[in-house]
Each structure stands twice: as C-alpha cells, then as structure tokens.
Amino acid sequence: MQAPYSFTRNPLALGLINFYLGISIALGSISSLIIVLIFSAAILLYIKNIEEKELAQRYGADYVAYKKMTPFLIPRRSNK
C-alpha cells in the first residue's frame, strides 16, 4: 500500500504541524513558534489519549495490528 496512512497513522496532523511550524519560522516570531508548539502538543495528546482508544474499540485487532506496523507520526525510512 502506498497511501499516506501506510507511512504514518496521522498524516493530517503531521502536515498541519509542519505547515504551521514553517509559517512561524518564516515569520521569525518566537511567540508564534511557542503557540504552534503548544497547539501541536495538544493535538498529539488528543490523538494519542482519546482518538486512538476509540479507533481500537471500533476496529479491534485490525487497528492494533495497523498500530504495530505504522508509526504514530514520523514516517520510517523505507529500504525498498
């Protein structure tokens, strides 16, 4: 499978964090960088503590197997 969800379980979160991080760096504003980091931490905590539990309840063993194969946020390098 070559879809985004085969590389990371949270491609949307990864994209948003990178987008807003890039904007804050381009602006050169420490305050915007701090806001982005707090926002990112909040999103990741929500995903890890709430969303993943709901997905495990909904999809059971299939989701648990998917979690074991796919990283939470940062994609692994492929040796293909």
C-alpha atoms as a PDB file:
ATOM      1  CA  MET A   1       0.000   0.000   0.000  1.00  0.00           C
ATOM      2  CA  GLN A   2       1.401   3.426  -0.944  1.00  0.00           C
ATOM      3  CA  ALA A   3      -1.213   5.688   0.654  1.00  0.00           C
ATOM      4  CA  PRO A   4      -0.322   8.328   3.286  1.00  0.00           C
ATOM      5  CA  TYR A   5      -1.781   6.167   6.067  1.00  0.00           C
ATOM      6  CA  SER A   6       0.710   3.410   5.243  1.00  0.00           C
ATOM      7  CA  PHE A   7       3.606   5.702   6.275  1.00  0.00           C
ATOM      8  CA  THR A   8       2.126   7.379   9.364  1.00  0.00           C
ATOM      9  CA  ARG A   9      -1.075   6.899  11.342  1.00  0.00           C
ATOM     10  CA  ASN A  10      -1.610  10.665  11.423  1.00  0.00           C
ATOM     11  CA  PRO A  11      -0.651  12.262   8.090  1.00  0.00           C
ATOM     12  CA  LEU A  12      -3.079  15.161   8.528  1.00  0.00           C
ATOM     13  CA  ALA A  13      -1.619  16.082  11.924  1.00  0.00           C
ATOM     14  CA  LEU A  14       1.911  15.769  10.545  1.00  0.00           C
ATOM     15  CA  GLY A  15       1.054  18.031   7.608  1.00  0.00           C
ATOM     16  CA  LEU A  16      -0.653  20.665   9.757  1.00  0.00           C
ATOM     17  CA  ILE A  17       2.178  20.744  12.279  1.00  0.00           C
ATOM     18  CA  ASN A  18       4.768  21.108   9.517  1.00  0.00           C
ATOM     19  CA  PHE A  19       2.713  23.806   7.786  1.00  0.00           C
ATOM     20  CA  TYR A  20       2.231  25.946  10.894  1.00  0.00           C
ATOM     21  CA  LEU A  21       5.788  25.336  12.054  1.00  0.00           C
ATOM     22  CA  GLY A  22       7.034  26.553   8.671  1.00  0.00           C
ATOM     23  CA  ILE A  23       4.904  29.683   8.860  1.00  0.00           C
ATOM     24  CA  SER A  24       6.107  30.511  12.364  1.00  0.00           C
ATOM     25  CA  ILE A  25       9.741  30.027  11.313  1.00  0.00           C
ATOM     26  CA  ALA A  26       9.206  32.179   8.206  1.00  0.00           C
ATOM     27  CA  LEU A  27       7.687  34.920  10.365  1.00  0.00           C
ATOM     28  CA  GLY A  28      10.664  34.733  12.700  1.00  0.00           C
ATOM     29  CA  SER A  29       8.381  35.139  15.680  1.00  0.00           C
ATOM     30  CA  ILE A  30       9.216  33.332  18.904  1.00  0.00           C
ATOM     31  CA  SER A  31       5.665  33.832  20.201  1.00  0.00           C
ATOM     32  CA  SER A  32       4.126  32.215  17.115  1.00  0.00           C
ATOM     33  CA  LEU A  33       6.581  29.314  17.430  1.00  0.00           C
ATOM     34  CA  ILE A  34       5.558  28.799  21.059  1.00  0.00           C
ATOM     35  CA  ILE A  35       1.872  28.867  20.097  1.00  0.00           C
ATOM     36  CA  VAL A  36       2.474  26.303  17.337  1.00  0.00           C
ATOM     37  CA  LEU A  37       4.359  24.018  19.725  1.00  0.00           C
ATOM     38  CA  ILE A  38       1.574  24.214  22.339  1.00  0.00           C
ATOM     39  CA  PHE A  39      -1.076  23.633  19.647  1.00  0.00           C
ATOM     40  CA  SER A  40       0.898  20.665  18.292  1.00  0.00           C
ATOM     41  CA  ALA A  41       1.307  19.114  21.729  1.00  0.00           C
ATOM     42  CA  ALA A  42      -2.432  19.474  22.387  1.00  0.00           C
ATOM     43  CA  ILE A  43      -3.345  17.818  19.079  1.00  0.00           C
ATOM     44  CA  LEU A  44      -0.925  14.937  19.604  1.00  0.00           C
ATOM     45  CA  LEU A  45      -2.116  14.354  23.180  1.00  0.00           C
ATOM     46  CA  TYR A  46      -5.723  14.262  21.981  1.00  0.00           C
ATOM     47  CA  ILE A  47      -4.902  11.786  19.213  1.00  0.00           C
ATOM     48  CA  LYS A  48      -2.838   9.544  21.481  1.00  0.00           C
ATOM     49  CA  ASN A  49      -5.146   9.572  24.518  1.00  0.00           C
ATOM     50  CA  ILE A  50      -8.619   9.757  23.004  1.00  0.00           C
ATOM     51  CA  GLU A  51      -8.763   9.093  19.262  1.00  0.00           C
ATOM     52  CA  GLU A  52      -6.527   6.011  19.229  1.00  0.00           C
ATOM     53  CA  LYS A  53      -8.518   4.391  22.057  1.00  0.00           C
ATOM     54  CA  GLU A  54     -11.757   4.975  20.142  1.00  0.00           C
ATOM     55  CA  LEU A  55     -10.261   3.509  16.966  1.00  0.00           C
ATOM     56  CA  ALA A  56      -9.032   0.444  18.866  1.00  0.00           C
ATOM     57  CA  GLN A  57     -12.528  -0.088  20.286  1.00  0.00           C
ATOM     58  CA  ARG A  58     -14.155   0.386  16.890  1.00  0.00           C
ATOM     59  CA  TYR A  59     -11.785  -1.707  14.751  1.00  0.00           C
ATOM     60  CA  GLY A  60     -10.319  -4.095  17.327  1.00  0.00           C
ATOM     61  CA  ALA A  61      -7.482  -6.403  16.310  1.00  0.00           C
ATOM     62  CA  ASP A  62      -7.187  -4.870  12.830  1.00  0.00           C
ATOM     63  CA  TYR A  63      -6.339  -1.476  14.300  1.00  0.00           C
ATOM     64  CA  VAL A  64      -3.945  -2.967  16.854  1.00  0.00           C
ATOM     65  CA  ALA A  65      -2.083  -4.722  14.017  1.00  0.00           C
ATOM     66  CA  TYR A  66      -2.039  -1.485  11.987  1.00  0.00           C
ATOM     67  CA  LYS A  67      -0.610   0.373  15.019  1.00  0.00           C
ATOM     68  CA  LYS A  68       2.204  -2.157  15.301  1.00  0.00           C
ATOM     69  CA  MET A  69       3.144  -1.737  11.620  1.00  0.00           C
ATOM     70  CA  THR A  70       2.744   2.037  11.233  1.00  0.00           C
ATOM     71  CA  PRO A  71       4.496   4.805  13.201  1.00  0.00           C
ATOM     72  CA  PHE A  72       2.425   7.311  15.164  1.00  0.00           C
ATOM     73  CA  LEU A  73       3.694  10.463  13.458  1.00  0.00           C
ATOM     74  CA  ILE A  74       7.180  10.372  11.940  1.00  0.00           C
ATOM     75  CA  PRO A  75       7.425   8.047   8.906  1.00  0.00           C
ATOM     76  CA  ARG A  76      10.211   5.482   8.827  1.00  0.00           C
ATOM     77  CA  ARG A  77      12.738   5.379   6.027  1.00  0.00           C
ATOM     78  CA  SER A  78      11.946   2.672   3.530  1.00  0.00           C
ATOM     79  CA  ASN A  79      14.630   0.222   2.402  1.00  0.00           C
ATOM     80  CA  LYS A  80      12.830  -0.568  -0.849  1.00  0.00           C
END
